[in-house]
């Protein structure tokens, strides 16, 4: 049975995700793609993370788990990727959206 965990970036709850256990959750902190994503995404004009940011995980609290459950419900049915529910408001990345 999977558990919802929260990724802390420099001590700040940043995203919620599901893993089978704490060891599997810790592995996410070692993923280069995650650190890259955190460096490219911003919230209120501030990068979510840097190359030297401290990444850690803990079991999600009830509110964080609720955000994750909502994100899973909104994910496309055919999505096979890991669902990451950001707990912070993300700035627009440009794309088709106007600023």
Protein backbone atom coordinates (compact mmCIF):
# COMPACT_ATOMS: atom_id res chain seq x y z
CA UNK A 1 0.00 0.00 0.00
CA UNK A 2 1.37 3.39 -1.02
CA UNK A 3 1.82 6.34 1.32
CA UNK A 4 1.72 10.06 0.47
CA UNK A 5 4.95 11.90 1.23
CA UNK A 6 5.91 15.57 1.11
CA UNK A 7 9.14 16.81 -0.45
CA UNK A 8 10.73 19.61 1.53
CA UNK A 9 12.99 22.01 -0.36
CA UNK A 10 15.22 23.87 2.09
CA UNK A 11 12.68 22.94 4.78
CA UNK A 12 9.65 24.23 2.84
CA UNK A 13 6.85 21.80 1.89
CA UNK A 14 6.90 21.97 -1.92
CA UNK A 15 5.23 18.92 -3.43
CA UNK A 16 3.37 15.77 -2.45
CA UNK A 17 3.82 12.38 -4.09
CA UNK A 18 3.14 8.71 -3.47
CA UNK A 19 5.70 6.02 -2.66
CA UNK A 20 5.58 2.50 -1.25
CA UNK A 21 7.79 3.35 1.72
CA UNK A 22 10.18 5.92 3.16
CA UNK A 23 13.20 4.43 1.39
CA UNK A 24 11.49 4.73 -2.00
CA UNK A 25 10.42 8.29 -1.13
CA UNK A 26 14.02 9.23 -0.27
CA UNK A 27 15.13 8.04 -3.73
CA UNK A 28 13.16 10.91 -5.29
CA UNK A 29 15.57 13.38 -3.66
CA UNK A 30 18.42 11.82 -5.67
CA UNK A 31 16.73 12.18 -9.07
CA UNK A 32 18.56 14.70 -11.32
CA UNK A 33 15.34 15.48 -13.24
CA UNK A 34 13.64 16.59 -10.02
CA UNK A 35 16.39 19.04 -9.07
CA UNK A 36 16.32 20.35 -12.66
CA UNK A 37 12.55 20.84 -12.48
CA UNK A 38 12.84 22.64 -9.13
CA UNK A 39 15.42 25.00 -10.63
CA UNK A 40 13.27 25.77 -13.67
CA UNK A 41 9.96 26.32 -11.85
CA UNK A 42 9.13 29.47 -9.90
CA UNK A 43 6.56 30.47 -7.31
CA UNK A 44 5.94 34.21 -6.88
CA UNK A 45 9.07 34.92 -8.93
CA UNK A 46 11.34 32.74 -6.77
CA UNK A 47 12.95 29.49 -7.93
CA UNK A 48 11.58 26.46 -6.10
CA UNK A 49 15.11 25.16 -5.64
CA UNK A 50 18.76 25.62 -6.55
CA UNK A 51 21.62 23.24 -7.26
CA UNK A 52 22.55 23.40 -3.57
CA UNK A 53 19.03 23.18 -2.09
CA UNK A 54 18.52 20.64 0.66
CA UNK A 55 15.88 18.06 -0.33
CA UNK A 56 14.20 15.83 2.24
CA UNK A 57 10.93 13.92 2.61
CA UNK A 58 8.45 13.24 5.37
CA UNK A 59 5.01 11.68 5.58
CA UNK A 60 2.44 14.14 4.26
CA UNK A 61 0.05 15.77 6.69
CA UNK A 62 -3.70 15.56 6.08
CA UNK A 63 -3.90 18.79 4.06
CA UNK A 64 -0.94 17.81 1.84
CA UNK A 65 -2.38 14.33 1.29
CA UNK A 66 -5.67 15.96 0.29
CA UNK A 67 -3.88 18.12 -2.32
CA UNK A 68 -2.25 14.97 -3.68
CA UNK A 69 -5.58 13.12 -3.89
CA UNK A 70 -7.08 16.06 -5.79
CA UNK A 71 -4.12 16.11 -8.22
CA UNK A 72 -4.50 12.37 -8.90
CA UNK A 73 -8.22 12.85 -9.62
CA UNK A 74 -7.40 15.62 -12.11
CA UNK A 75 -4.56 13.74 -13.85
CA UNK A 76 -5.30 12.28 -17.28
CA UNK A 77 -6.48 8.67 -16.99
CA UNK A 78 -3.76 7.46 -19.37
CA UNK A 79 -0.95 9.17 -17.45
CA UNK A 80 1.62 6.63 -16.34
CA UNK A 81 4.09 9.12 -14.87
CA UNK A 82 4.43 9.73 -11.17
CA UNK A 83 1.91 12.34 -10.02
CA UNK A 84 3.55 15.30 -8.29
CA UNK A 85 1.15 17.65 -6.52
CA UNK A 86 2.80 21.03 -6.03
CA UNK A 87 1.91 22.56 -2.68
CA UNK A 88 2.93 26.04 -3.83
CA UNK A 89 1.43 28.21 -6.55
CA UNK A 90 3.54 27.91 -9.69
CA UNK A 91 4.21 30.92 -11.88
CA UNK A 92 3.22 30.73 -15.53
CA UNK A 93 5.98 29.23 -17.66
CA UNK A 94 5.14 31.40 -20.65
CA UNK A 95 3.82 28.88 -23.18
CA UNK A 96 0.38 29.88 -24.47
CA UNK A 97 -0.53 31.82 -21.34
CA UNK A 98 -0.34 35.58 -21.22
CA UNK A 99 1.42 37.14 -18.29
